[in-house]
């Protein structure tokens, strides 16, 4: 298979403060075991994709740390953005780099900081997606494929994808459907409605397509945008590449691949999947993934608990004692102490922003 991986690893992970900082963002944290999230992401695909065909997109500030976690990554496979501008510019630039190496390539795009269980099943879905990515639709076009996770609860922290009723491509139990509608994080009532209807899936942010197909959609749907990136394609691998990319990034706005391309394309398919998955987007999401639906306390470091339940404790030194509390997150580091109700996990980002105004974000 001429399958390549493009791993997006430029985020700051503000919702995981105080463990996550500007100097050491979420993808470099070991939240799900002894290995960092980015290391787990790479290890998950290596049985399918050799390291020579793995590319990681990040910003210059994280280049050295990325190579510490993935030392076997060829340095030329590290793609450096001038600044983070969401997923669309990241994917456009990364796709140009891969297309310059292999015009007939198929690319799987993965975030560097997600949790996935049943990894063999995950790789099986990627194999099917590879075959589906070269399936010819009308007029010989090939699809853009996104993975949609079957929801287990009315989660309001995820986007949703509505799938059509008729399968477009299938193999055994894996099927691809037309993606009819994308919805950003809904309110609780809407999320319950989606869950009951049964044809809505969590938007995982994982994609598979022919590299030429996604570039063609950029050219079709964002012609002015893509014209700027075309200048970059002429200098890839040359000393002036960095300057050319910086010039393009100074002209374009931030934007997600979902809104700018997938929602607007008539070639987008969704493959429903059921393997355990989380974007690990907050302390609450981390607890829910690790607890697997139980109300147990999850602790790291020295912790004593009396009459307490459903708490997540991340300690690095001192003993943390819980007495008669529930649904708390306690994160104790050398520099800061965070205590919050799990339901307020999304507000940690606000704390970071406030500390940033005071010059104390780290």
Protein backbone atom coordinates (compact mmCIF):
# COMPACT_ATOMS: atom_id res chain seq x y z
CA UNK A 1 0.00 0.00 0.00
CA UNK A 2 1.24 3.49 -0.79
CA UNK A 3 -0.39 4.71 2.43
CA UNK A 4 1.13 7.71 4.20
CA UNK A 5 0.31 9.22 7.59
CA UNK A 6 -0.01 12.93 8.30
CA UNK A 7 -0.10 13.50 12.06
CA UNK A 8 -1.24 16.90 13.33
CA UNK A 9 0.74 17.86 16.44
CA UNK A 10 0.76 21.62 16.77
CA UNK A 11 -1.86 22.21 19.47
CA UNK A 12 -1.19 23.70 22.89
CA UNK A 13 -3.72 21.61 24.86
CA UNK A 14 -4.85 24.48 27.09
CA UNK A 15 -7.60 22.38 28.69
CA UNK A 16 -4.95 20.19 30.36
CA UNK A 17 -3.33 22.96 32.36
CA UNK A 18 -1.39 22.81 34.66
CA UNK A 19 0.17 19.59 33.28
CA UNK A 20 0.02 20.98 29.77
CA UNK A 21 1.91 24.21 29.15
CA UNK A 22 3.18 26.10 26.13
CA UNK A 23 6.54 24.39 26.57
CA UNK A 24 5.02 20.93 26.95
CA UNK A 25 1.57 20.70 25.34
CA UNK A 26 -0.87 17.84 25.58
CA UNK A 27 0.57 15.61 22.84
CA UNK A 28 3.78 15.21 24.84
CA UNK A 29 2.01 14.16 28.06
CA UNK A 30 1.70 10.56 29.25
CA UNK A 31 -1.99 10.68 30.17
CA UNK A 32 -2.87 7.12 29.14
CA UNK A 33 0.03 5.09 30.43
CA UNK A 34 3.80 5.37 30.32
CA UNK A 35 4.04 6.64 26.73
CA UNK A 36 3.15 10.11 25.50
CA UNK A 37 0.04 10.57 23.37
CA UNK A 38 2.10 11.34 20.24
CA UNK A 39 4.25 8.24 20.80
CA UNK A 40 1.12 6.11 21.13
CA UNK A 41 -0.31 7.63 17.94
CA UNK A 42 2.78 6.71 15.94
CA UNK A 43 3.09 3.24 17.49
CA UNK A 44 -0.55 2.56 16.61
CA UNK A 45 0.06 2.94 12.87
CA UNK A 46 3.58 1.53 12.52
CA UNK A 47 2.32 -2.03 11.88
CA UNK A 48 0.60 -0.59 8.80
CA UNK A 49 2.71 2.39 7.75
CA UNK A 50 6.54 2.43 7.92
CA UNK A 51 8.15 5.36 9.70
CA UNK A 52 9.57 6.59 6.37
CA UNK A 53 6.00 7.38 5.29
CA UNK A 54 4.96 9.05 8.56
CA UNK A 55 4.91 12.86 8.52
CA UNK A 56 4.29 15.06 11.55
CA UNK A 57 3.07 18.64 11.24
CA UNK A 58 3.88 20.96 14.12
CA UNK A 59 5.35 24.40 14.80
CA UNK A 60 9.03 25.23 15.14
CA UNK A 61 8.82 25.55 18.92
CA UNK A 62 7.86 21.85 19.21
CA UNK A 63 10.23 20.42 16.62
CA UNK A 64 12.95 19.34 19.05
CA UNK A 65 10.49 17.85 21.55
CA UNK A 66 8.70 15.96 18.78
CA UNK A 67 11.93 14.29 17.71
CA UNK A 68 12.68 13.38 21.33
CA UNK A 69 9.43 11.43 21.46
CA UNK A 70 9.78 9.99 17.93
CA UNK A 71 13.57 9.75 17.52
CA UNK A 72 13.35 7.38 14.55
CA UNK A 73 11.34 9.90 12.50
CA UNK A 74 13.42 11.13 9.55
CA UNK A 75 13.97 14.86 10.22
CA UNK A 76 12.80 15.66 6.68
CA UNK A 77 9.41 14.18 7.64
CA UNK A 78 8.89 16.91 10.22
CA UNK A 79 6.74 19.59 8.61
CA UNK A 80 6.97 22.95 10.38
CA UNK A 81 4.17 25.50 10.18
CA UNK A 82 5.03 29.17 10.82
CA UNK A 83 2.07 29.23 13.22
CA UNK A 84 -0.93 27.08 14.04
CA UNK A 85 -4.00 28.05 12.00
CA UNK A 86 -6.28 25.08 12.63
CA UNK A 87 -6.52 21.92 10.53
CA UNK A 88 -7.14 23.19 6.99
CA UNK A 89 -3.78 24.97 6.42
CA UNK A 90 -1.99 22.15 8.23
CA UNK A 91 -3.53 19.53 5.93
CA UNK A 92 -3.03 21.63 2.78
CA UNK A 93 0.68 22.11 3.46
CA UNK A 94 1.23 18.53 4.61
CA UNK A 95 -0.57 17.16 1.57
CA UNK A 96 1.59 19.22 -0.77
CA UNK A 97 4.70 17.79 0.87
CA UNK A 98 3.45 14.20 0.53
CA UNK A 99 2.25 14.73 -3.06
CA UNK A 100 5.70 15.99 -4.00
CA UNK A 101 7.12 12.62 -2.93
CA UNK A 102 4.34 10.35 -4.24
CA UNK A 103 1.63 11.86 -6.49
CA UNK A 104 -0.36 8.59 -6.26
CA UNK A 105 -0.27 8.44 -2.46
CA UNK A 106 -3.18 7.88 -0.08
CA UNK A 107 -2.97 9.83 3.18
CA UNK A 108 -4.50 9.08 6.56
CA UNK A 109 -4.73 12.25 8.66
CA UNK A 110 -4.64 11.76 12.43
CA UNK A 111 -4.53 14.05 15.47
CA UNK A 112 -1.49 13.37 17.66
CA UNK A 113 -3.40 13.37 20.94
CA UNK A 114 -6.38 11.01 20.71
CA UNK A 115 -7.05 7.77 22.59
CA UNK A 116 -8.01 4.64 20.64
CA UNK A 117 -8.73 1.16 21.96
CA UNK A 118 -8.83 -2.14 20.05
CA UNK A 119 -5.96 -1.04 17.87
CA UNK A 120 -6.12 -4.04 15.55
CA UNK A 121 -9.73 -3.15 14.75
CA UNK A 122 -8.64 0.44 14.15
CA UNK A 123 -5.99 -0.69 11.65
CA UNK A 124 -8.59 -2.89 9.96
CA UNK A 125 -10.73 0.19 9.40
CA UNK A 126 -7.74 2.00 7.93
CA UNK A 127 -7.13 -0.88 5.52
CA UNK A 128 -10.75 -0.73 4.35
CA UNK A 129 -10.55 3.06 4.14
CA UNK A 130 -7.49 2.75 1.94
CA UNK A 131 -9.44 0.61 -0.53
CA UNK A 132 -12.45 2.93 -0.31
CA UNK A 133 -10.31 6.01 -0.96
CA UNK A 134 -9.59 4.85 -4.52
CA UNK A 135 -13.21 3.88 -5.23
CA UNK A 136 -14.47 5.90 -8.18
CA UNK A 137 -17.59 7.96 -7.64
CA UNK A 138 -19.38 9.81 -10.42
CA UNK A 139 -17.17 11.21 -13.18
CA UNK A 140 -14.19 9.25 -11.88
CA UNK A 141 -13.74 11.32 -8.71
CA UNK A 142 -12.60 9.60 -5.51
CA UNK A 143 -14.05 10.22 -2.04
CA UNK A 144 -12.93 12.12 1.01
CA UNK A 145 -13.43 9.77 3.96
CA UNK A 146 -13.94 10.67 7.61
CA UNK A 147 -14.35 8.25 10.49
CA UNK A 148 -17.49 8.72 12.59
CA UNK A 149 -17.58 7.15 16.04
CA UNK A 150 -20.86 5.57 17.12
CA UNK A 151 -21.97 7.70 20.09
CA UNK A 152 -22.42 6.05 23.48
CA UNK A 153 -23.90 9.12 25.19
CA UNK A 154 -25.36 12.53 24.26
CA UNK A 155 -21.95 14.18 24.34
CA UNK A 156 -21.99 17.96 23.81
CA UNK A 157 -18.22 18.33 23.50
CA UNK A 158 -18.00 16.64 20.07
CA UNK A 159 -19.14 17.57 16.60
CA UNK A 160 -21.57 15.19 14.85
CA UNK A 161 -21.90 13.82 11.31
CA UNK A 162 -25.23 12.67 9.90
CA UNK A 163 -24.86 9.66 7.61
CA UNK A 164 -27.09 8.72 4.70
CA UNK A 165 -29.14 5.52 4.74
CA UNK A 166 -27.68 3.78 1.71
CA UNK A 167 -24.17 2.39 1.84
CA UNK A 168 -21.83 3.59 -0.89
CA UNK A 169 -18.98 1.13 -0.27
CA UNK A 170 -18.88 -1.92 1.99
CA UNK A 171 -16.69 -4.86 2.97
CA UNK A 172 -17.80 -7.36 5.60
CA UNK A 173 -19.07 -5.29 8.54
CA UNK A 174 -17.41 -2.01 7.51
CA UNK A 175 -19.52 0.39 5.47
CA UNK A 176 -19.16 3.88 4.05
CA UNK A 177 -22.14 6.23 3.71
CA UNK A 178 -22.68 9.65 2.24
CA UNK A 179 -21.99 12.36 4.83
CA UNK A 180 -25.14 14.48 4.74
CA UNK A 181 -24.60 17.04 7.47
CA UNK A 182 -21.97 18.26 9.93
CA UNK A 183 -23.03 19.80 13.24
CA UNK A 184 -20.67 21.55 15.64
CA UNK A 185 -20.92 20.86 19.37
CA UNK A 186 -24.70 20.71 20.00
CA UNK A 187 -26.63 21.53 23.16
CA UNK A 188 -27.83 18.70 25.40
CA UNK A 189 -31.31 18.38 23.89
CA UNK A 190 -29.94 18.25 20.35
CA UNK A 191 -27.30 15.67 21.34
CA UNK A 192 -30.05 13.48 22.86
CA UNK A 193 -32.06 13.82 19.65
CA UNK A 194 -29.04 12.78 17.57
CA UNK A 195 -28.44 9.76 19.81
CA UNK A 196 -32.06 8.62 19.51
CA UNK A 197 -32.14 9.01 15.73
CA UNK A 198 -29.19 6.64 15.38
CA UNK A 199 -27.68 7.93 12.13
CA UNK A 200 -25.45 10.56 13.74
CA UNK A 201 -21.83 9.89 14.64
CA UNK A 202 -19.18 11.73 16.60
CA UNK A 203 -16.79 13.56 14.31
CA UNK A 204 -13.44 11.93 15.16
CA UNK A 205 -11.24 14.29 13.16
CA UNK A 206 -9.58 11.31 11.42
CA UNK A 207 -9.56 11.30 7.61
CA UNK A 208 -8.39 9.16 4.69
CA UNK A 209 -8.16 10.19 1.02
CA UNK A 210 -6.02 10.16 -2.06
CA UNK A 211 -3.62 13.03 -1.58
CA UNK A 212 -4.45 14.29 -5.05
CA UNK A 213 -8.18 14.24 -4.21
CA UNK A 214 -7.93 16.52 -1.16
CA UNK A 215 -5.68 18.91 -3.09
CA UNK A 216 -8.20 18.93 -5.92
CA UNK A 217 -10.97 19.86 -3.48
CA UNK A 218 -8.85 22.69 -2.08
CA UNK A 219 -8.37 23.97 -5.62
CA UNK A 220 -12.09 23.70 -6.37
CA UNK A 221 -13.58 25.04 -3.13
CA UNK A 222 -10.87 27.49 -2.06
CA UNK A 223 -9.29 28.61 -5.34
CA UNK A 224 -7.72 31.83 -4.07
CA UNK A 225 -6.45 30.07 -0.98
CA UNK A 226 -5.03 27.22 -2.98
CA UNK A 227 -3.39 29.54 -5.50
CA UNK A 228 -1.20 30.79 -2.67
CA UNK A 229 -0.26 27.24 -1.69
CA UNK A 230 0.55 26.45 -5.31
CA UNK A 231 3.49 28.85 -4.98
CA UNK A 232 4.74 26.68 -2.12
CA UNK A 233 4.54 23.54 -4.25
CA UNK A 234 7.16 24.93 -6.64
CA UNK A 235 9.79 25.35 -3.90
CA UNK A 236 9.27 22.25 -1.75
CA UNK A 237 12.63 20.88 -0.68
CA UNK A 238 14.41 24.11 -1.59
CA UNK A 239 15.90 26.72 0.80
CA UNK A 240 13.11 29.19 0.01
CA UNK A 241 10.32 26.80 1.11
CA UNK A 242 10.14 28.16 4.66
CA UNK A 243 9.89 31.78 3.51
CA UNK A 244 7.23 30.87 0.94
CA UNK A 245 5.13 29.04 3.54
CA UNK A 246 5.40 31.94 5.98
CA UNK A 247 4.15 34.31 3.31
CA UNK A 248 1.13 32.10 2.59
CA UNK A 249 0.27 31.74 6.28
CA UNK A 250 0.41 35.51 6.72
CA UNK A 251 -2.32 35.87 4.07
CA UNK A 252 -4.80 33.12 5.00
CA UNK A 253 -7.24 32.88 7.89
CA UNK A 254 -7.51 30.03 10.36
CA UNK A 255 -10.04 27.36 9.47
CA UNK A 256 -10.95 23.73 10.04
CA UNK A 257 -10.90 21.16 7.28
CA UNK A 258 -14.47 20.23 8.22
CA UNK A 259 -15.95 23.66 7.61
CA UNK A 260 -13.81 24.73 4.68
CA UNK A 261 -13.79 21.47 2.71
CA UNK A 262 -15.71 18.43 4.03
CA UNK A 263 -19.03 20.19 4.71
CA UNK A 264 -18.95 21.78 1.27
CA UNK A 265 -17.79 18.81 -0.77
CA UNK A 266 -20.22 16.38 -2.40
CA UNK A 267 -17.58 13.66 -2.22
CA UNK A 268 -17.44 13.27 1.58
CA UNK A 269 -18.19 9.81 2.99
CA UNK A 270 -18.38 8.72 6.61
CA UNK A 271 -17.37 5.29 7.91
CA UNK A 272 -19.08 4.49 11.24
CA UNK A 273 -16.73 2.83 13.75
CA UNK A 274 -17.27 1.36 17.20
CA UNK A 275 -13.77 0.91 18.62
CA UNK A 276 -13.16 2.83 21.89
CA UNK A 277 -12.19 6.41 21.08
CA UNK A 278 -11.80 9.77 22.77
CA UNK A 279 -10.32 13.04 21.64
CA UNK A 280 -9.12 13.40 25.25
CA UNK A 281 -10.20 17.00 24.94
CA UNK A 282 -10.64 17.74 28.64
CA UNK A 283 -10.06 16.36 32.12
CA UNK A 284 -13.63 15.06 32.07
CA UNK A 285 -13.06 13.26 28.75
CA UNK A 286 -9.88 11.69 30.13
CA UNK A 287 -11.73 10.44 33.22
CA UNK A 288 -14.61 9.00 31.17
CA UNK A 289 -12.25 7.16 28.83
CA UNK A 290 -10.19 5.66 31.64
CA UNK A 291 -13.08 4.84 33.98
CA UNK A 292 -15.10 3.02 31.29
CA UNK A 293 -18.39 4.09 32.84
CA UNK A 294 -17.59 3.29 36.47
CA UNK A 295 -17.64 5.78 39.37
CA UNK A 296 -14.26 4.82 40.76
CA UNK A 297 -11.56 7.29 41.71
CA UNK A 298 -8.66 7.39 39.25
CA UNK A 299 -5.42 8.51 40.81
CA UNK A 300 -1.79 9.05 39.94
CA UNK A 301 0.69 9.82 42.69
CA UNK A 302 0.13 9.60 46.45
CA UNK A 303 -3.60 9.78 47.16
CA UNK A 304 -5.79 8.99 50.20
CA UNK A 305 -9.57 8.83 49.74
CA UNK A 306 -12.40 8.56 52.28
CA UNK A 307 -16.06 8.47 51.21
CA UNK A 308 -15.20 9.96 47.81
CA UNK A 309 -16.03 8.81 44.30
CA UNK A 310 -15.71 9.66 40.61
CA UNK A 311 -12.63 11.82 41.16
CA UNK A 312 -9.54 12.16 39.00
CA UNK A 313 -6.32 12.97 40.82
CA UNK A 314 -3.00 13.71 39.10
CA UNK A 315 -0.30 14.30 41.69
CA UNK A 316 3.41 14.82 41.20
CA UNK A 317 4.73 15.14 44.74
CA UNK A 318 2.59 15.87 47.76
CA UNK A 319 -0.09 13.55 49.10
CA UNK A 320 -3.57 14.48 47.91
CA UNK A 321 -6.37 13.66 50.39
CA UNK A 322 -10.03 13.42 49.38
CA UNK A 323 -12.78 13.42 52.01
CA UNK A 324 -16.49 13.27 51.20
CA UNK A 325 -16.25 14.66 47.69
CA UNK A 326 -17.23 13.46 44.23
CA UNK A 327 -16.79 14.41 40.58
CA UNK A 328 -13.65 16.45 41.24
CA UNK A 329 -10.47 16.84 39.23
CA UNK A 330 -7.37 17.60 41.29
CA UNK A 331 -4.10 18.28 39.47
CA UNK A 332 -1.14 19.08 41.69
CA UNK A 333 2.15 20.08 40.05
CA UNK A 334 5.27 21.83 41.27
CA UNK A 335 4.02 25.15 39.91
CA UNK A 336 0.24 25.08 40.32
CA UNK A 337 -2.77 23.38 41.89
CA UNK A 338 -6.01 22.92 39.97
CA UNK A 339 -9.28 21.86 41.63
CA UNK A 340 -12.49 21.77 39.62
CA UNK A 341 -15.75 19.97 39.11
CA UNK A 342 -15.46 17.60 36.13
CA UNK A 343 -18.45 19.27 34.49
CA UNK A 344 -16.46 22.52 34.31
CA UNK A 345 -13.53 20.95 32.51
CA UNK A 346 -14.02 23.02 29.37
CA UNK A 347 -13.47 26.18 31.43
CA UNK A 348 -9.84 25.35 32.18
CA UNK A 349 -8.98 27.08 28.92
CA UNK A 350 -10.42 30.29 30.40
CA UNK A 351 -8.05 29.96 33.36
CA UNK A 352 -5.09 29.71 30.98
CA UNK A 353 -6.30 32.78 29.09
CA UNK A 354 -6.64 34.76 32.31
CA UNK A 355 -3.21 33.69 33.49
CA UNK A 356 -1.83 34.65 30.09
CA UNK A 357 -3.12 38.21 30.59
CA UNK A 358 -1.19 38.27 33.86
CA UNK A 359 1.92 36.81 32.25
CA UNK A 360 1.62 33.62 34.31
CA UNK A 361 0.38 31.07 31.78
CA UNK A 362 3.25 28.66 32.46
